[in-house]
């Protein structure tokens, strides 16, 4: 996809290639493609067009560092993927689970072990 970037944090181990491919497919002809889970936008995982760069730079200059601020920009077209559609690729809480602490890491290990047991 020329002119766009798929962005996701390295601390989300349960994102799947199928889900990320869905985001790419849904991003055609729009500037921002992100999900809404439990009523909240999830801008840390999404596809952003190069048009966003100018607005990101402007937001940084104004110390508005949240990607949520970028999603409020009326100059940028958006495709917000609903939770119901995300569920076709997995449980949203699992897909968007991120590891920030040792406790999160232990929880992630437990999630993997549970998945392995379910598969056998």
C-alpha atoms as a PDB file:
ATOM      1  CA  UNK A   1       0.000   0.000   0.000  1.00  0.00           C
ATOM      2  CA  UNK A   2       1.864   3.067  -1.281  1.00  0.00           C
ATOM      3  CA  UNK A   3       1.340   6.225   0.705  1.00  0.00           C
ATOM      4  CA  UNK A   4       0.139   4.566   3.908  1.00  0.00           C
ATOM      5  CA  UNK A   5       1.662   2.891   6.944  1.00  0.00           C
ATOM      6  CA  UNK A   6       0.347   0.062   9.083  1.00  0.00           C
ATOM      7  CA  UNK A   7       1.158   1.046  12.666  1.00  0.00           C
ATOM      8  CA  UNK A   8       1.051  -1.234  15.694  1.00  0.00           C
ATOM      9  CA  UNK A   9       3.025  -1.458  18.938  1.00  0.00           C
ATOM     10  CA  UNK A  10       5.554  -4.181  19.576  1.00  0.00           C
ATOM     11  CA  UNK A  11       3.930  -5.029  22.929  1.00  0.00           C
ATOM     12  CA  UNK A  12       0.761  -6.515  21.409  1.00  0.00           C
ATOM     13  CA  UNK A  13       1.701 -10.153  20.841  1.00  0.00           C
ATOM     14  CA  UNK A  14      -1.756 -11.429  19.900  1.00  0.00           C
ATOM     15  CA  UNK A  15      -2.392  -9.329  16.794  1.00  0.00           C
ATOM     16  CA  UNK A  16      -2.840 -11.679  13.846  1.00  0.00           C
ATOM     17  CA  UNK A  17      -1.747 -11.293  10.264  1.00  0.00           C
ATOM     18  CA  UNK A  18      -5.365 -11.885   9.186  1.00  0.00           C
ATOM     19  CA  UNK A  19      -6.585  -9.002  11.335  1.00  0.00           C
ATOM     20  CA  UNK A  20      -3.807  -6.670  10.167  1.00  0.00           C
ATOM     21  CA  UNK A  21      -4.564  -7.629   6.551  1.00  0.00           C
ATOM     22  CA  UNK A  22      -8.193  -6.681   7.168  1.00  0.00           C
ATOM     23  CA  UNK A  23      -7.088  -3.225   8.330  1.00  0.00           C
ATOM     24  CA  UNK A  24      -5.025  -2.796   5.179  1.00  0.00           C
ATOM     25  CA  UNK A  25      -7.921  -3.860   2.963  1.00  0.00           C
ATOM     26  CA  UNK A  26     -10.284  -1.446   4.734  1.00  0.00           C
ATOM     27  CA  UNK A  27      -7.835   1.455   4.438  1.00  0.00           C
ATOM     28  CA  UNK A  28      -8.195   2.004   0.708  1.00  0.00           C
ATOM     29  CA  UNK A  29      -9.305   5.570  -0.078  1.00  0.00           C
ATOM     30  CA  UNK A  30      -9.166   6.871   3.489  1.00  0.00           C
ATOM     31  CA  UNK A  31      -6.560   8.515   5.697  1.00  0.00           C
ATOM     32  CA  UNK A  32      -7.123   6.712   8.998  1.00  0.00           C
ATOM     33  CA  UNK A  33      -8.345   3.151   9.531  1.00  0.00           C
ATOM     34  CA  UNK A  34      -8.702   2.117  13.173  1.00  0.00           C
ATOM     35  CA  UNK A  35     -11.063   0.122  15.386  1.00  0.00           C
ATOM     36  CA  UNK A  36     -13.602   1.009  18.039  1.00  0.00           C
ATOM     37  CA  UNK A  37     -13.695  -1.483  20.924  1.00  0.00           C
ATOM     38  CA  UNK A  38     -16.130  -1.109  23.837  1.00  0.00           C
ATOM     39  CA  UNK A  39     -16.976   2.370  22.585  1.00  0.00           C
ATOM     40  CA  UNK A  40     -13.351   3.556  22.543  1.00  0.00           C
ATOM     41  CA  UNK A  41     -11.148   4.242  19.556  1.00  0.00           C
ATOM     42  CA  UNK A  42      -8.010   2.114  19.372  1.00  0.00           C
ATOM     43  CA  UNK A  43      -5.607   4.334  17.384  1.00  0.00           C
ATOM     44  CA  UNK A  44      -2.463   2.485  18.457  1.00  0.00           C
ATOM     45  CA  UNK A  45      -3.260  -0.150  15.810  1.00  0.00           C
ATOM     46  CA  UNK A  46      -4.211   1.245  12.443  1.00  0.00           C
ATOM     47  CA  UNK A  47      -3.370   2.374   8.959  1.00  0.00           C
ATOM     48  CA  UNK A  48      -2.438   6.014   8.464  1.00  0.00           C
ATOM     49  CA  UNK A  49      -1.971   7.719   5.108  1.00  0.00           C
ATOM     50  CA  UNK A  50       0.980   9.975   4.404  1.00  0.00           C
ATOM     51  CA  UNK A  51      -1.469  12.891   4.523  1.00  0.00           C
ATOM     52  CA  UNK A  52      -1.524  12.371   8.305  1.00  0.00           C
ATOM     53  CA  UNK A  53       2.156  13.311   8.640  1.00  0.00           C
ATOM     54  CA  UNK A  54       1.536  17.053   8.313  1.00  0.00           C
ATOM     55  CA  UNK A  55      -1.131  16.908  11.027  1.00  0.00           C
ATOM     56  CA  UNK A  56       1.000  14.696  13.273  1.00  0.00           C
ATOM     57  CA  UNK A  57       3.857  17.208  13.026  1.00  0.00           C
ATOM     58  CA  UNK A  58       1.462  20.045  13.845  1.00  0.00           C
ATOM     59  CA  UNK A  59       0.048  18.125  16.834  1.00  0.00           C
ATOM     60  CA  UNK A  60       3.572  17.501  18.146  1.00  0.00           C
ATOM     61  CA  UNK A  61       4.395  21.211  17.898  1.00  0.00           C
ATOM     62  CA  UNK A  62       1.264  21.941  19.950  1.00  0.00           C
ATOM     63  CA  UNK A  63       2.170  19.166  22.436  1.00  0.00           C
ATOM     64  CA  UNK A  64      -0.923  17.155  21.488  1.00  0.00           C
ATOM     65  CA  UNK A  65       0.737  13.765  21.529  1.00  0.00           C
ATOM     66  CA  UNK A  66      -2.308  11.500  21.573  1.00  0.00           C
ATOM     67  CA  UNK A  67      -3.290   9.729  18.373  1.00  0.00           C
ATOM     68  CA  UNK A  68      -6.884  10.237  19.484  1.00  0.00           C
ATOM     69  CA  UNK A  69      -6.368  13.956  18.772  1.00  0.00           C
ATOM     70  CA  UNK A  70      -5.369  13.060  15.218  1.00  0.00           C
ATOM     71  CA  UNK A  71      -8.595  11.099  14.747  1.00  0.00           C
ATOM     72  CA  UNK A  72     -10.586  14.247  15.571  1.00  0.00           C
ATOM     73  CA  UNK A  73      -9.145  16.099  12.573  1.00  0.00           C
ATOM     74  CA  UNK A  74     -11.948  16.852  10.106  1.00  0.00           C
ATOM     75  CA  UNK A  75      -9.501  17.135   7.202  1.00  0.00           C
ATOM     76  CA  UNK A  76      -8.704  13.422   7.403  1.00  0.00           C
ATOM     77  CA  UNK A  77     -11.082  10.742   6.162  1.00  0.00           C
ATOM     78  CA  UNK A  78     -11.670   7.832   8.513  1.00  0.00           C
ATOM     79  CA  UNK A  79     -12.825   4.249   8.419  1.00  0.00           C
ATOM     80  CA  UNK A  80     -13.705   3.046  11.905  1.00  0.00           C
ATOM     81  CA  UNK A  81     -13.952  -0.734  12.133  1.00  0.00           C
ATOM     82  CA  UNK A  82     -16.701  -1.855  14.486  1.00  0.00           C
ATOM     83  CA  UNK A  83     -16.096  -4.326  17.296  1.00  0.00           C
ATOM     84  CA  UNK A  84     -18.437  -6.857  15.711  1.00  0.00           C
ATOM     85  CA  UNK A  85     -16.213  -7.028  12.639  1.00  0.00           C
ATOM     86  CA  UNK A  86     -13.049  -7.225  14.754  1.00  0.00           C
ATOM     87  CA  UNK A  87     -14.583 -10.265  16.489  1.00  0.00           C
ATOM     88  CA  UNK A  88     -14.458 -12.190  13.210  1.00  0.00           C
ATOM     89  CA  UNK A  89     -10.662 -12.166  13.647  1.00  0.00           C
ATOM     90  CA  UNK A  90     -10.558 -13.008  17.340  1.00  0.00           C
ATOM     91  CA  UNK A  91     -11.576 -11.770  20.757  1.00  0.00           C
ATOM     92  CA  UNK A  92     -10.852  -8.008  20.829  1.00  0.00           C
ATOM     93  CA  UNK A  93      -9.501  -8.126  24.386  1.00  0.00           C
ATOM     94  CA  UNK A  94      -6.968 -10.703  23.237  1.00  0.00           C
ATOM     95  CA  UNK A  95      -6.079  -9.030  19.943  1.00  0.00           C
ATOM     96  CA  UNK A  96      -5.511  -5.665  21.659  1.00  0.00           C
ATOM     97  CA  UNK A  97      -3.848  -7.046  24.782  1.00  0.00           C
ATOM     98  CA  UNK A  98      -0.583  -5.247  25.437  1.00  0.00           C
ATOM     99  CA  UNK A  99       2.282  -6.051  27.744  1.00  0.00           C
ATOM    100  CA  UNK A 100       3.494  -3.207  29.946  1.00  0.00           C
ATOM    101  CA  UNK A 101       4.412  -4.956  33.195  1.00  0.00           C
ATOM    102  CA  UNK A 102       5.729  -8.291  34.456  1.00  0.00           C
ATOM    103  CA  UNK A 103       2.150  -9.053  35.520  1.00  0.00           C
ATOM    104  CA  UNK A 104       0.937  -8.432  31.964  1.00  0.00           C
ATOM    105  CA  UNK A 105       3.655 -10.754  30.693  1.00  0.00           C
ATOM    106  CA  UNK A 106       2.580 -13.485  33.107  1.00  0.00           C
ATOM    107  CA  UNK A 107      -1.031 -13.019  32.000  1.00  0.00           C
ATOM    108  CA  UNK A 108       0.034 -13.308  28.345  1.00  0.00           C
ATOM    109  CA  UNK A 109       1.874 -16.539  29.113  1.00  0.00           C
ATOM    110  CA  UNK A 110      -1.288 -17.855  30.744  1.00  0.00           C
ATOM    111  CA  UNK A 111      -3.312 -16.893  27.686  1.00  0.00           C
ATOM    112  CA  UNK A 112      -0.909 -18.794  25.427  1.00  0.00           C
ATOM    113  CA  UNK A 113      -0.973 -21.854  27.688  1.00  0.00           C
ATOM    114  CA  UNK A 114      -4.797 -21.782  27.735  1.00  0.00           C
ATOM    115  CA  UNK A 115      -4.866 -21.581  23.916  1.00  0.00           C
ATOM    116  CA  UNK A 116      -2.523 -24.543  23.629  1.00  0.00           C
ATOM    117  CA  UNK A 117      -4.687 -26.615  25.987  1.00  0.00           C
ATOM    118  CA  UNK A 118      -7.807 -25.705  23.996  1.00  0.00           C
ATOM    119  CA  UNK A 119      -6.161 -26.756  20.751  1.00  0.00           C
ATOM    120  CA  UNK A 120      -5.240 -30.219  22.016  1.00  0.00           C
END
